[in-house]
Amino acid sequence: QVQLVESGGGLVQPGGSLRLSCKASGITFSLYAMDWYRQAPGKQRELVAVITSGGRQTYANSVKGRFTISRDNAKNTVYLQMNSLKPEDTAVYYCNAASPAGDAYWGQGTQVTVSS
């Protein structure tokens, strides 16, 4: 059974930082590209960051320079370091695992709220 479990969300003031984690089980983690998405109330889910199985990273323009995605294959975990947070970063953040064969799995999401 595949599970992706996110953690690390919470309430933070503008300009603050959070680190999200997503621990995977039931997949050969090192073979999967890992993504972070987010969905704000009333908006579509959007791609935030991607890290390939080879470690290549890409980011949405809205978070470039502020967020960093990384992975630890030994721990089956992907991280999203979020710095200089803005109120518009408020959303539920979801972890996604995507295999080259087209399999895709989602976590349950973790709430990030940026507010003073």
C-alpha atoms as a PDB file:
ATOM      1  CA  GLN A   1       0.000   0.000   0.000  1.00  0.00           C
ATOM      2  CA  VAL A   2       1.392   3.357  -1.064  1.00  0.00           C
ATOM      3  CA  GLN A   3       1.360   6.149   1.492  1.00  0.00           C
ATOM      4  CA  LEU A   4       2.596   9.706   1.319  1.00  0.00           C
ATOM      5  CA  VAL A   5       2.444  11.527   4.645  1.00  0.00           C
ATOM      6  CA  GLU A   6       3.052  15.283   4.745  1.00  0.00           C
ATOM      7  CA  SER A   7       3.999  17.208   7.853  1.00  0.00           C
ATOM      8  CA  GLY A   8       5.396  20.559   8.869  1.00  0.00           C
ATOM      9  CA  GLY A   9       2.548  22.896   8.009  1.00  0.00           C
ATOM     10  CA  GLY A  10       1.247  25.542  10.366  1.00  0.00           C
ATOM     11  CA  LEU A  11       0.709  29.222  10.998  1.00  0.00           C
ATOM     12  CA  VAL A  12       3.602  31.584  10.307  1.00  0.00           C
ATOM     13  CA  GLN A  13       3.973  35.338  10.052  1.00  0.00           C
ATOM     14  CA  PRO A  14       4.833  37.011   6.749  1.00  0.00           C
ATOM     15  CA  GLY A  15       8.571  36.790   6.141  1.00  0.00           C
ATOM     16  CA  GLY A  16       8.836  33.610   8.161  1.00  0.00           C
ATOM     17  CA  SER A  17       9.911  30.105   7.197  1.00  0.00           C
ATOM     18  CA  LEU A  18       8.550  26.589   7.284  1.00  0.00           C
ATOM     19  CA  ARG A  19       9.884  23.241   6.165  1.00  0.00           C
ATOM     20  CA  LEU A  20       7.447  20.676   4.863  1.00  0.00           C
ATOM     21  CA  SER A  21       8.259  16.980   4.790  1.00  0.00           C
ATOM     22  CA  CYS A  22       6.666  14.139   2.871  1.00  0.00           C
ATOM     23  CA  LYS A  23       7.573  10.591   3.799  1.00  0.00           C
ATOM     24  CA  ALA A  24       6.757   7.886   1.275  1.00  0.00           C
ATOM     25  CA  SER A  25       6.215   4.183   1.772  1.00  0.00           C
ATOM     26  CA  GLY A  26       5.176   1.375  -0.545  1.00  0.00           C
ATOM     27  CA  ILE A  27       7.141   2.689  -3.551  1.00  0.00           C
ATOM     28  CA  THR A  28      10.732   2.521  -4.765  1.00  0.00           C
ATOM     29  CA  PHE A  29      11.224   6.124  -3.776  1.00  0.00           C
ATOM     30  CA  SER A  30      14.466   6.736  -5.659  1.00  0.00           C
ATOM     31  CA  LEU A  31      12.762   6.002  -8.999  1.00  0.00           C
ATOM     32  CA  TYR A  32      10.017   8.578  -8.546  1.00  0.00           C
ATOM     33  CA  ALA A  33       9.930  12.251  -9.358  1.00  0.00           C
ATOM     34  CA  MET A  34       8.544  14.053  -6.325  1.00  0.00           C
ATOM     35  CA  ASP A  35       6.424  17.173  -6.567  1.00  0.00           C
ATOM     36  CA  TRP A  36       4.832  19.689  -4.258  1.00  0.00           C
ATOM     37  CA  TYR A  37       1.511  21.224  -5.248  1.00  0.00           C
ATOM     38  CA  ARG A  38      -0.686  23.688  -3.411  1.00  0.00           C
ATOM     39  CA  GLN A  39      -4.325  24.669  -3.496  1.00  0.00           C
ATOM     40  CA  ALA A  40      -5.675  27.881  -2.057  1.00  0.00           C
ATOM     41  CA  PRO A  41      -9.396  28.290  -1.264  1.00  0.00           C
ATOM     42  CA  GLY A  42     -11.385  28.844  -4.449  1.00  0.00           C
ATOM     43  CA  LYS A  43      -8.365  28.239  -6.684  1.00  0.00           C
ATOM     44  CA  GLN A  44      -7.058  25.376  -8.778  1.00  0.00           C
ATOM     45  CA  ARG A  45      -4.291  23.166  -7.531  1.00  0.00           C
ATOM     46  CA  GLU A  46      -0.958  24.455  -8.825  1.00  0.00           C
ATOM     47  CA  LEU A  47       2.475  22.926  -9.174  1.00  0.00           C
ATOM     48  CA  VAL A  48       5.005  24.514  -6.825  1.00  0.00           C
ATOM     49  CA  ALA A  49       8.213  22.506  -7.228  1.00  0.00           C
ATOM     50  CA  VAL A  50       9.550  19.319  -8.759  1.00  0.00           C
ATOM     51  CA  ILE A  51      12.601  17.216  -8.047  1.00  0.00           C
ATOM     52  CA  THR A  52      13.369  14.416 -10.471  1.00  0.00           C
ATOM     53  CA  SER A  53      14.802  11.036  -9.572  1.00  0.00           C
ATOM     54  CA  GLY A  54      18.138  12.446 -10.680  1.00  0.00           C
ATOM     55  CA  GLY A  55      17.824  15.471  -8.408  1.00  0.00           C
ATOM     56  CA  ARG A  56      16.985  18.157 -10.974  1.00  0.00           C
ATOM     57  CA  GLN A  57      14.765  20.869  -9.494  1.00  0.00           C
ATOM     58  CA  THR A  58      12.216  23.173 -11.104  1.00  0.00           C
ATOM     59  CA  TYR A  59      10.016  25.802  -9.503  1.00  0.00           C
ATOM     60  CA  ALA A  60       6.954  27.874 -10.197  1.00  0.00           C
ATOM     61  CA  ASN A  61       7.886  31.488 -10.910  1.00  0.00           C
ATOM     62  CA  SER A  62       5.926  32.599  -7.850  1.00  0.00           C
ATOM     63  CA  VAL A  63       8.233  30.728  -5.468  1.00  0.00           C
ATOM     64  CA  LYS A  64      11.560  30.839  -7.297  1.00  0.00           C
ATOM     65  CA  GLY A  65      14.315  32.103  -5.017  1.00  0.00           C
ATOM     66  CA  ARG A  66      12.235  31.560  -1.876  1.00  0.00           C
ATOM     67  CA  PHE A  67      11.441  27.827  -1.855  1.00  0.00           C
ATOM     68  CA  THR A  68      13.846  24.893  -2.122  1.00  0.00           C
ATOM     69  CA  ILE A  69      12.870  21.305  -2.826  1.00  0.00           C
ATOM     70  CA  SER A  70      15.185  18.482  -1.799  1.00  0.00           C
ATOM     71  CA  ARG A  71      15.059  14.753  -1.271  1.00  0.00           C
ATOM     72  CA  ASP A  72      16.699  12.140   0.940  1.00  0.00           C
ATOM     73  CA  ASN A  73      16.397   8.772  -0.764  1.00  0.00           C
ATOM     74  CA  ALA A  74      17.749   6.975   2.302  1.00  0.00           C
ATOM     75  CA  LYS A  75      14.786   8.310   4.298  1.00  0.00           C
ATOM     76  CA  ASN A  76      12.208   8.100   1.485  1.00  0.00           C
ATOM     77  CA  THR A  77      11.460  11.736   2.182  1.00  0.00           C
ATOM     78  CA  VAL A  78      11.085  14.898   0.133  1.00  0.00           C
ATOM     79  CA  TYR A  79      11.269  18.344   1.686  1.00  0.00           C
ATOM     80  CA  LEU A  80      10.091  21.822   0.797  1.00  0.00           C
ATOM     81  CA  GLN A  81      11.966  24.617   2.547  1.00  0.00           C
ATOM     82  CA  MET A  82       9.865  27.765   2.341  1.00  0.00           C
ATOM     83  CA  ASN A  83      11.464  31.108   3.194  1.00  0.00           C
ATOM     84  CA  SER A  84      10.228  34.703   2.985  1.00  0.00           C
ATOM     85  CA  LEU A  85       6.668  33.473   3.146  1.00  0.00           C
ATOM     86  CA  LYS A  86       3.884  35.733   1.907  1.00  0.00           C
ATOM     87  CA  PRO A  87       0.145  35.715   2.644  1.00  0.00           C
ATOM     88  CA  GLU A  88      -0.444  34.513  -0.917  1.00  0.00           C
ATOM     89  CA  ASP A  89       1.477  31.324  -0.079  1.00  0.00           C
ATOM     90  CA  THR A  90      -1.427  30.318   2.160  1.00  0.00           C
ATOM     91  CA  ALA A  91      -2.777  27.011   0.877  1.00  0.00           C
ATOM     92  CA  VAL A  92      -3.003  23.316   1.477  1.00  0.00           C
ATOM     93  CA  TYR A  93       0.271  21.801   0.273  1.00  0.00           C
ATOM     94  CA  TYR A  94       0.229  18.333  -1.272  1.00  0.00           C
ATOM     95  CA  CYS A  95       3.015  15.910  -1.998  1.00  0.00           C
ATOM     96  CA  ASN A  96       2.884  13.920  -5.243  1.00  0.00           C
ATOM     97  CA  ALA A  97       4.958  10.961  -6.395  1.00  0.00           C
ATOM     98  CA  ALA A  98       5.191  10.244 -10.120  1.00  0.00           C
ATOM     99  CA  SER A  99       6.896   7.249 -11.695  1.00  0.00           C
ATOM    100  CA  PRO A 100       8.282   7.071 -15.252  1.00  0.00           C
ATOM    101  CA  ALA A 101       5.571   4.480 -15.985  1.00  0.00           C
ATOM    102  CA  GLY A 102       2.856   7.022 -15.190  1.00  0.00           C
ATOM    103  CA  ASP A 103       1.877   5.940 -11.687  1.00  0.00           C
ATOM    104  CA  ALA A 104       1.017   8.857  -9.449  1.00  0.00           C
ATOM    105  CA  TYR A 105       0.171   9.071  -5.787  1.00  0.00           C
ATOM    106  CA  TRP A 106      -0.949  11.911  -3.526  1.00  0.00           C
ATOM    107  CA  GLY A 107      -0.596  12.727   0.130  1.00  0.00           C
ATOM    108  CA  GLN A 108      -3.425  14.030   2.283  1.00  0.00           C
ATOM    109  CA  GLY A 109      -2.127  17.602   2.387  1.00  0.00           C
ATOM    110  CA  THR A 110      -0.857  19.941   5.073  1.00  0.00           C
ATOM    111  CA  GLN A 111      -2.190  23.428   5.748  1.00  0.00           C
ATOM    112  CA  VAL A 112       0.141  26.413   5.525  1.00  0.00           C
ATOM    113  CA  THR A 113      -1.233  29.744   6.713  1.00  0.00           C
ATOM    114  CA  VAL A 114       0.784  32.936   6.400  1.00  0.00           C
ATOM    115  CA  SER A 115      -0.778  35.702   8.457  1.00  0.00           C
ATOM    116  CA  SER A 116       0.091  38.336  11.000  1.00  0.00           C
END
